[in-house]
């Protein structure tokens, strides 16, 4: 399921790292020294986010695919 969530990746000068965010999962983000490292880290974090939500009985949003912004 995690591979279907949109991931936004950007360079953070402040952190000197790439940051990967999953907008559909509040607070779900990771970083890495390289683009690929940030993606790998956020994939792990998505799985942990979903597992924690299940354990706590919280709703898990269904992936919506590409989000559209106005």
PDB file of N, CA and C in Angstrom:
ATOM      1  N   UNK A   1       0.824  -1.199   0.000  1.00  0.00           N
ATOM      2  CA  UNK A   1       0.000   0.000   0.000  1.00  0.00           C
ATOM      3  C   UNK A   1       0.862   1.253   0.000  1.00  0.00           C
ATOM      4  N   UNK A   2       2.020   1.229   0.629  1.00  0.00           N
ATOM      5  CA  UNK A   2       2.817   2.452   0.772  1.00  0.00           C
ATOM      6  C   UNK A   2       3.282   3.029  -0.558  1.00  0.00           C
ATOM      7  N   UNK A   3       3.526   2.174  -1.543  1.00  0.00           N
ATOM      8  CA  UNK A   3       4.045   2.684  -2.799  1.00  0.00           C
ATOM      9  C   UNK A   3       3.017   3.498  -3.582  1.00  0.00           C
ATOM     10  N   UNK A   4       1.769   3.476  -3.148  1.00  0.00           N
ATOM     11  CA  UNK A   4       0.733   4.217  -3.850  1.00  0.00           C
ATOM     12  C   UNK A   4       0.524   5.626  -3.305  1.00  0.00           C
ATOM     13  N   UNK A   5       1.160   5.973  -2.216  1.00  0.00           N
ATOM     14  CA  UNK A   5       1.032   7.323  -1.663  1.00  0.00           C
ATOM     15  C   UNK A   5       1.944   8.290  -2.416  1.00  0.00           C
ATOM     16  N   UNK A   6       1.444   9.502  -2.603  1.00  0.00           N
ATOM     17  CA  UNK A   6       2.264  10.530  -3.239  1.00  0.00           C
ATOM     18  C   UNK A   6       3.389  10.928  -2.283  1.00  0.00           C
ATOM     19  N   UNK A   7       4.581  11.090  -2.828  1.00  0.00           N
ATOM     20  CA  UNK A   7       5.742  11.534  -2.055  1.00  0.00           C
ATOM     21  C   UNK A   7       6.252  12.814  -2.701  1.00  0.00           C
ATOM     22  N   UNK A   8       6.414  13.839  -1.899  1.00  0.00           N
ATOM     23  CA  UNK A   8       6.978  15.106  -2.367  1.00  0.00           C
ATOM     24  C   UNK A   8       8.399  15.190  -1.826  1.00  0.00           C
ATOM     25  N   UNK A   9       9.359  15.413  -2.721  1.00  0.00           N
ATOM     26  CA  UNK A   9      10.773  15.452  -2.331  1.00  0.00           C
ATOM     27  C   UNK A   9      11.362  16.796  -2.709  1.00  0.00           C
ATOM     28  N   UNK A  10      12.075  17.396  -1.766  1.00  0.00           N
ATOM     29  CA  UNK A  10      12.714  18.683  -2.031  1.00  0.00           C
ATOM     30  C   UNK A  10      14.027  18.775  -1.255  1.00  0.00           C
ATOM     31  N   UNK A  11      14.883  19.685  -1.697  1.00  0.00           N
ATOM     32  CA  UNK A  11      16.155  19.938  -1.030  1.00  0.00           C
ATOM     33  C   UNK A  11      15.939  20.967   0.069  1.00  0.00           C
ATOM     34  N   UNK A  12      16.458  20.692   1.248  1.00  0.00           N
ATOM     35  CA  UNK A  12      16.377  21.620   2.368  1.00  0.00           C
ATOM     36  C   UNK A  12      17.781  22.150   2.670  1.00  0.00           C
ATOM     37  N   UNK A  13      17.989  23.430   2.369  1.00  0.00           N
ATOM     38  CA  UNK A  13      19.279  24.056   2.683  1.00  0.00           C
ATOM     39  C   UNK A  13      19.527  24.023   4.193  1.00  0.00           C
ATOM     40  N   UNK A  14      18.465  24.279   4.955  1.00  0.00           N
ATOM     41  CA  UNK A  14      18.574  24.314   6.421  1.00  0.00           C
ATOM     42  C   UNK A  14      19.067  22.984   6.991  1.00  0.00           C
ATOM     43  N   UNK A  15      18.561  21.878   6.427  1.00  0.00           N
ATOM     44  CA  UNK A  15      18.939  20.550   6.918  1.00  0.00           C
ATOM     45  C   UNK A  15      20.104  19.939   6.148  1.00  0.00           C
ATOM     46  N   UNK A  16      20.479  20.577   5.020  1.00  0.00           N
ATOM     47  CA  UNK A  16      21.526  20.055   4.152  1.00  0.00           C
ATOM     48  C   UNK A  16      21.208  18.611   3.747  1.00  0.00           C
ATOM     49  N   UNK A  17      19.933  18.406   3.364  1.00  0.00           N
ATOM     50  CA  UNK A  17      19.474  17.066   3.020  1.00  0.00           C
ATOM     51  C   UNK A  17      18.232  17.155   2.137  1.00  0.00           C
ATOM     52  N   UNK A  18      17.936  16.048   1.457  1.00  0.00           N
ATOM     53  CA  UNK A  18      16.671  15.924   0.755  1.00  0.00           C
ATOM     54  C   UNK A  18      15.611  15.538   1.772  1.00  0.00           C
ATOM     55  N   UNK A  19      14.436  16.113   1.642  1.00  0.00           N
ATOM     56  CA  UNK A  19      13.318  15.800   2.532  1.00  0.00           C
ATOM     57  C   UNK A  19      12.212  15.187   1.692  1.00  0.00           C
ATOM     58  N   UNK A  20      11.658  14.082   2.180  1.00  0.00           N
ATOM     59  CA  UNK A  20      10.552  13.400   1.502  1.00  0.00           C
ATOM     60  C   UNK A  20       9.341  13.438   2.423  1.00  0.00           C
ATOM     61  N   UNK A  21       8.237  14.000   1.918  1.00  0.00           N
ATOM     62  CA  UNK A  21       7.004  14.112   2.697  1.00  0.00           C
ATOM     63  C   UNK A  21       5.889  13.333   2.015  1.00  0.00           C
ATOM     64  N   UNK A  22       4.988  12.766   2.834  1.00  0.00           N
ATOM     65  CA  UNK A  22       3.802  12.070   2.334  1.00  0.00           C
ATOM     66  C   UNK A  22       2.599  12.871   2.827  1.00  0.00           C
ATOM     67  N   UNK A  23       2.054  13.757   1.981  1.00  0.00           N
ATOM     68  CA  UNK A  23       1.005  14.678   2.420  1.00  0.00           C
ATOM     69  C   UNK A  23      -0.264  14.001   2.941  1.00  0.00           C
ATOM     70  N   UNK A  24      -0.565  12.806   2.451  1.00  0.00           N
ATOM     71  CA  UNK A  24      -1.790  12.117   2.875  1.00  0.00           C
ATOM     72  C   UNK A  24      -1.685  11.515   4.268  1.00  0.00           C
ATOM     73  N   UNK A  25      -0.460  11.397   4.796  1.00  0.00           N
ATOM     74  CA  UNK A  25      -0.246  10.831   6.125  1.00  0.00           C
ATOM     75  C   UNK A  25       0.371  11.915   7.010  1.00  0.00           C
ATOM     76  N   UNK A  26      -0.422  12.558   7.839  1.00  0.00           N
ATOM     77  CA  UNK A  26       0.067  13.686   8.643  1.00  0.00           C
ATOM     78  C   UNK A  26       1.341  13.353   9.429  1.00  0.00           C
ATOM     79  N   UNK A  27       2.341  14.219   9.257  1.00  0.00           N
ATOM     80  CA  UNK A  27       3.601  14.072   9.980  1.00  0.00           C
ATOM     81  C   UNK A  27       4.539  13.035   9.414  1.00  0.00           C
ATOM     82  N   UNK A  28       4.176  12.421   8.305  1.00  0.00           N
ATOM     83  CA  UNK A  28       4.992  11.356   7.720  1.00  0.00           C
ATOM     84  C   UNK A  28       6.024  11.977   6.785  1.00  0.00           C
ATOM     85  N   UNK A  29       7.279  11.955   7.232  1.00  0.00           N
ATOM     86  CA  UNK A  29       8.362  12.513   6.433  1.00  0.00           C
ATOM     87  C   UNK A  29       9.690  11.900   6.863  1.00  0.00           C
ATOM     88  N   UNK A  30      10.666  11.991   5.985  1.00  0.00           N
ATOM     89  CA  UNK A  30      12.002  11.479   6.264  1.00  0.00           C
ATOM     90  C   UNK A  30      12.992  12.304   5.456  1.00  0.00           C
ATOM     91  N   UNK A  31      14.270  12.119   5.751  1.00  0.00           N
ATOM     92  CA  UNK A  31      15.281  12.837   4.981  1.00  0.00           C
ATOM     93  C   UNK A  31      16.417  11.899   4.614  1.00  0.00           C
ATOM     94  N   UNK A  32      17.318  12.414   3.791  1.00  0.00           N
ATOM     95  CA  UNK A  32      18.482  11.643   3.380  1.00  0.00           C
ATOM     96  C   UNK A  32      19.495  12.540   2.707  1.00  0.00           C
ATOM     97  N   UNK A  33      20.725  12.111   2.695  1.00  0.00           N
ATOM     98  CA  UNK A  33      21.796  12.878   2.057  1.00  0.00           C
ATOM     99  C   UNK A  33      21.642  12.889   0.537  1.00  0.00           C
ATOM    100  N   UNK A  34      20.985  11.847  -0.008  1.00  0.00           N
ATOM    101  CA  UNK A  34      20.725  11.789  -1.445  1.00  0.00           C
ATOM    102  C   UNK A  34      19.220  11.650  -1.658  1.00  0.00           C
ATOM    103  N   UNK A  35      18.780  11.916  -2.880  1.00  0.00           N
ATOM    104  CA  UNK A  35      17.377  11.758  -3.267  1.00  0.00           C
ATOM    105  C   UNK A  35      16.923  10.317  -2.993  1.00  0.00           C
ATOM    106  N   UNK A  36      17.743   9.351  -3.440  1.00  0.00           N
ATOM    107  CA  UNK A  36      17.407   7.942  -3.279  1.00  0.00           C
ATOM    108  C   UNK A  36      17.329   7.544  -1.808  1.00  0.00           C
ATOM    109  N   UNK A  37      18.217   8.081  -0.996  1.00  0.00           N
ATOM    110  CA  UNK A  37      18.209   7.778   0.434  1.00  0.00           C
ATOM    111  C   UNK A  37      16.942   8.323   1.091  1.00  0.00           C
ATOM    112  N   UNK A  38      16.526   9.510   0.700  1.00  0.00           N
ATOM    113  CA  UNK A  38      15.293  10.091   1.256  1.00  0.00           C
ATOM    114  C   UNK A  38      14.090   9.232   0.892  1.00  0.00           C
ATOM    115  N   UNK A  39      14.029   8.751  -0.347  1.00  0.00           N
ATOM    116  CA  UNK A  39      12.922   7.894  -0.776  1.00  0.00           C
ATOM    117  C   UNK A  39      12.936   6.580   0.010  1.00  0.00           C
ATOM    118  N   UNK A  40      14.098   5.965   0.141  1.00  0.00           N
ATOM    119  CA  UNK A  40      14.197   4.709   0.884  1.00  0.00           C
ATOM    120  C   UNK A  40      13.762   4.890   2.333  1.00  0.00           C
ATOM    121  N   UNK A  41      14.182   5.989   2.948  1.00  0.00           N
ATOM    122  CA  UNK A  41      13.820   6.246   4.338  1.00  0.00           C
ATOM    123  C   UNK A  41      12.322   6.481   4.494  1.00  0.00           C
ATOM    124  N   UNK A  42      11.724   7.244   3.586  1.00  0.00           N
ATOM    125  CA  UNK A  42      10.303   7.550   3.724  1.00  0.00           C
ATOM    126  C   UNK A  42       9.455   6.300   3.473  1.00  0.00           C
ATOM    127  N   UNK A  43       9.917   5.387   2.644  1.00  0.00           N
ATOM    128  CA  UNK A  43       9.172   4.141   2.440  1.00  0.00           C
ATOM    129  C   UNK A  43       9.085   3.355   3.746  1.00  0.00           C
ATOM    130  N   UNK A  44      10.155   3.335   4.515  1.00  0.00           N
ATOM    131  CA  UNK A  44      10.150   2.669   5.825  1.00  0.00           C
ATOM    132  C   UNK A  44       9.211   3.402   6.781  1.00  0.00           C
ATOM    133  N   UNK A  45       9.279   4.719   6.768  1.00  0.00           N
ATOM    134  CA  UNK A  45       8.444   5.522   7.666  1.00  0.00           C
ATOM    135  C   UNK A  45       6.965   5.354   7.347  1.00  0.00           C
ATOM    136  N   UNK A  46       6.607   5.245   6.065  1.00  0.00           N
ATOM    137  CA  UNK A  46       5.207   5.025   5.689  1.00  0.00           C
ATOM    138  C   UNK A  46       4.719   3.710   6.291  1.00  0.00           C
ATOM    139  N   UNK A  47       5.501   2.666   6.164  1.00  0.00           N
ATOM    140  CA  UNK A  47       5.114   1.367   6.731  1.00  0.00           C
ATOM    141  C   UNK A  47       4.940   1.465   8.244  1.00  0.00           C
ATOM    142  N   UNK A  48       5.852   2.167   8.910  1.00  0.00           N
ATOM    143  CA  UNK A  48       5.747   2.340  10.363  1.00  0.00           C
ATOM    144  C   UNK A  48       4.528   3.184  10.734  1.00  0.00           C
ATOM    145  N   UNK A  49       4.238   4.220   9.940  1.00  0.00           N
ATOM    146  CA  UNK A  49       3.081   5.079  10.185  1.00  0.00           C
ATOM    147  C   UNK A  49       1.801   4.254  10.116  1.00  0.00           C
ATOM    148  N   UNK A  50       1.677   3.453   9.056  1.00  0.00           N
ATOM    149  CA  UNK A  50       0.492   2.623   8.861  1.00  0.00           C
ATOM    150  C   UNK A  50       0.368   1.594   9.984  1.00  0.00           C
ATOM    151  N   UNK A  51       1.451   0.944  10.335  1.00  0.00           N
ATOM    152  CA  UNK A  51       1.430  -0.061  11.407  1.00  0.00           C
ATOM    153  C   UNK A  51       1.019   0.562  12.738  1.00  0.00           C
ATOM    154  N   UNK A  52       1.559   1.726  13.055  1.00  0.00           N
ATOM    155  CA  UNK A  52       1.209   2.415  14.299  1.00  0.00           C
ATOM    156  C   UNK A  52      -0.266   2.806  14.304  1.00  0.00           C
ATOM    157  N   UNK A  53      -0.758   3.314  13.184  1.00  0.00           N
ATOM    158  CA  UNK A  53      -2.176   3.678  13.095  1.00  0.00           C
ATOM    159  C   UNK A  53      -3.052   2.455  13.331  1.00  0.00           C
ATOM    160  N   UNK A  54      -2.687   1.315  12.753  1.00  0.00           N
ATOM    161  CA  UNK A  54      -3.447   0.076  12.967  1.00  0.00           C
ATOM    162  C   UNK A  54      -3.461  -0.296  14.441  1.00  0.00           C
ATOM    163  N   UNK A  55      -2.286  -0.257  15.076  1.00  0.00           N
ATOM    164  CA  UNK A  55      -2.179  -0.627  16.488  1.00  0.00           C
ATOM    165  C   UNK A  55      -3.004   0.279  17.383  1.00  0.00           C
ATOM    166  N   UNK A  56      -3.109   1.553  17.010  1.00  0.00           N
ATOM    167  CA  UNK A  56      -3.863   2.520  17.813  1.00  0.00           C
ATOM    168  C   UNK A  56      -5.339   2.600  17.406  1.00  0.00           C
ATOM    169  N   UNK A  57      -5.717   1.851  16.391  1.00  0.00           N
ATOM    170  CA  UNK A  57      -7.095   1.871  15.930  1.00  0.00           C
ATOM    171  C   UNK A  57      -7.481   3.161  15.223  1.00  0.00           C
ATOM    172  N   UNK A  58      -6.506   3.833  14.660  1.00  0.00           N
ATOM    173  CA  UNK A  58      -6.772   5.086  13.939  1.00  0.00           C
ATOM    174  C   UNK A  58      -7.019   4.813  12.453  1.00  0.00           C
ATOM    175  N   UNK A  59      -7.786   5.688  11.812  1.00  0.00           N
ATOM    176  CA  UNK A  59      -8.049   5.476  10.383  1.00  0.00           C
ATOM    177  C   UNK A  59      -6.779   5.662   9.545  1.00  0.00           C
ATOM    178  N   UNK A  60      -6.713   4.893   8.490  1.00  0.00           N
ATOM    179  CA  UNK A  60      -5.586   4.973   7.555  1.00  0.00           C
ATOM    180  C   UNK A  60      -6.134   5.460   6.215  1.00  0.00           C
ATOM    181  N   UNK A  61      -5.721   6.648   5.793  1.00  0.00           N
ATOM    182  CA  UNK A  61      -6.225   7.165   4.514  1.00  0.00           C
ATOM    183  C   UNK A  61      -5.855   6.253   3.350  1.00  0.00           C
ATOM    184  N   UNK A  62      -6.785   6.093   2.431  1.00  0.00           N
ATOM    185  CA  UNK A  62      -6.497   5.352   1.208  1.00  0.00           C
ATOM    186  C   UNK A  62      -5.663   6.255   0.292  1.00  0.00           C
ATOM    187  N   UNK A  63      -4.682   5.696  -0.384  1.00  0.00           N
ATOM    188  CA  UNK A  63      -3.899   6.502  -1.316  1.00  0.00           C
ATOM    189  C   UNK A  63      -4.804   7.089  -2.399  1.00  0.00           C
ATOM    190  N   UNK A  64      -4.635   8.370  -2.665  1.00  0.00           N
ATOM    191  CA  UNK A  64      -5.438   9.036  -3.693  1.00  0.00           C
ATOM    192  C   UNK A  64      -4.658   9.233  -4.973  1.00  0.00           C
ATOM    193  N   UNK A  65      -3.407   8.871  -4.955  1.00  0.00           N
ATOM    194  CA  UNK A  65      -2.589   9.102  -6.158  1.00  0.00           C
ATOM    195  C   UNK A  65      -2.148  10.557  -6.197  1.00  0.00           C
ATOM    196  N   UNK A  66      -1.997  11.056  -7.379  1.00  0.00           N
ATOM    197  CA  UNK A  66      -1.509  12.428  -7.555  1.00  0.00           C
ATOM    198  C   UNK A  66      -2.526  13.423  -7.004  1.00  0.00           C
ATOM    199  N   UNK A  67      -2.050  14.273  -6.124  1.00  0.00           N
ATOM    200  CA  UNK A  67      -2.910  15.309  -5.551  1.00  0.00           C
ATOM    201  C   UNK A  67      -2.913  16.526  -6.456  1.00  0.00           C
ATOM    202  N   UNK A  68      -4.043  17.164  -6.566  1.00  0.00           N
ATOM    203  CA  UNK A  68      -4.172  18.348  -7.404  1.00  0.00           C
ATOM    204  C   UNK A  68      -4.269  19.572  -6.509  1.00  0.00           C
ATOM    205  N   UNK A  69      -3.500  20.589  -6.796  1.00  0.00           N
ATOM    206  CA  UNK A  69      -3.497  21.812  -6.021  1.00  0.00           C
ATOM    207  C   UNK A  69      -3.999  22.957  -6.892  1.00  0.00           C
ATOM    208  N   UNK A  70      -4.722  23.864  -6.271  1.00  0.00           N
ATOM    209  CA  UNK A  70      -5.234  25.037  -7.011  1.00  0.00           C
ATOM    210  C   UNK A  70      -4.248  26.180  -6.910  1.00  0.00           C
TER     211      UNK A  70
END
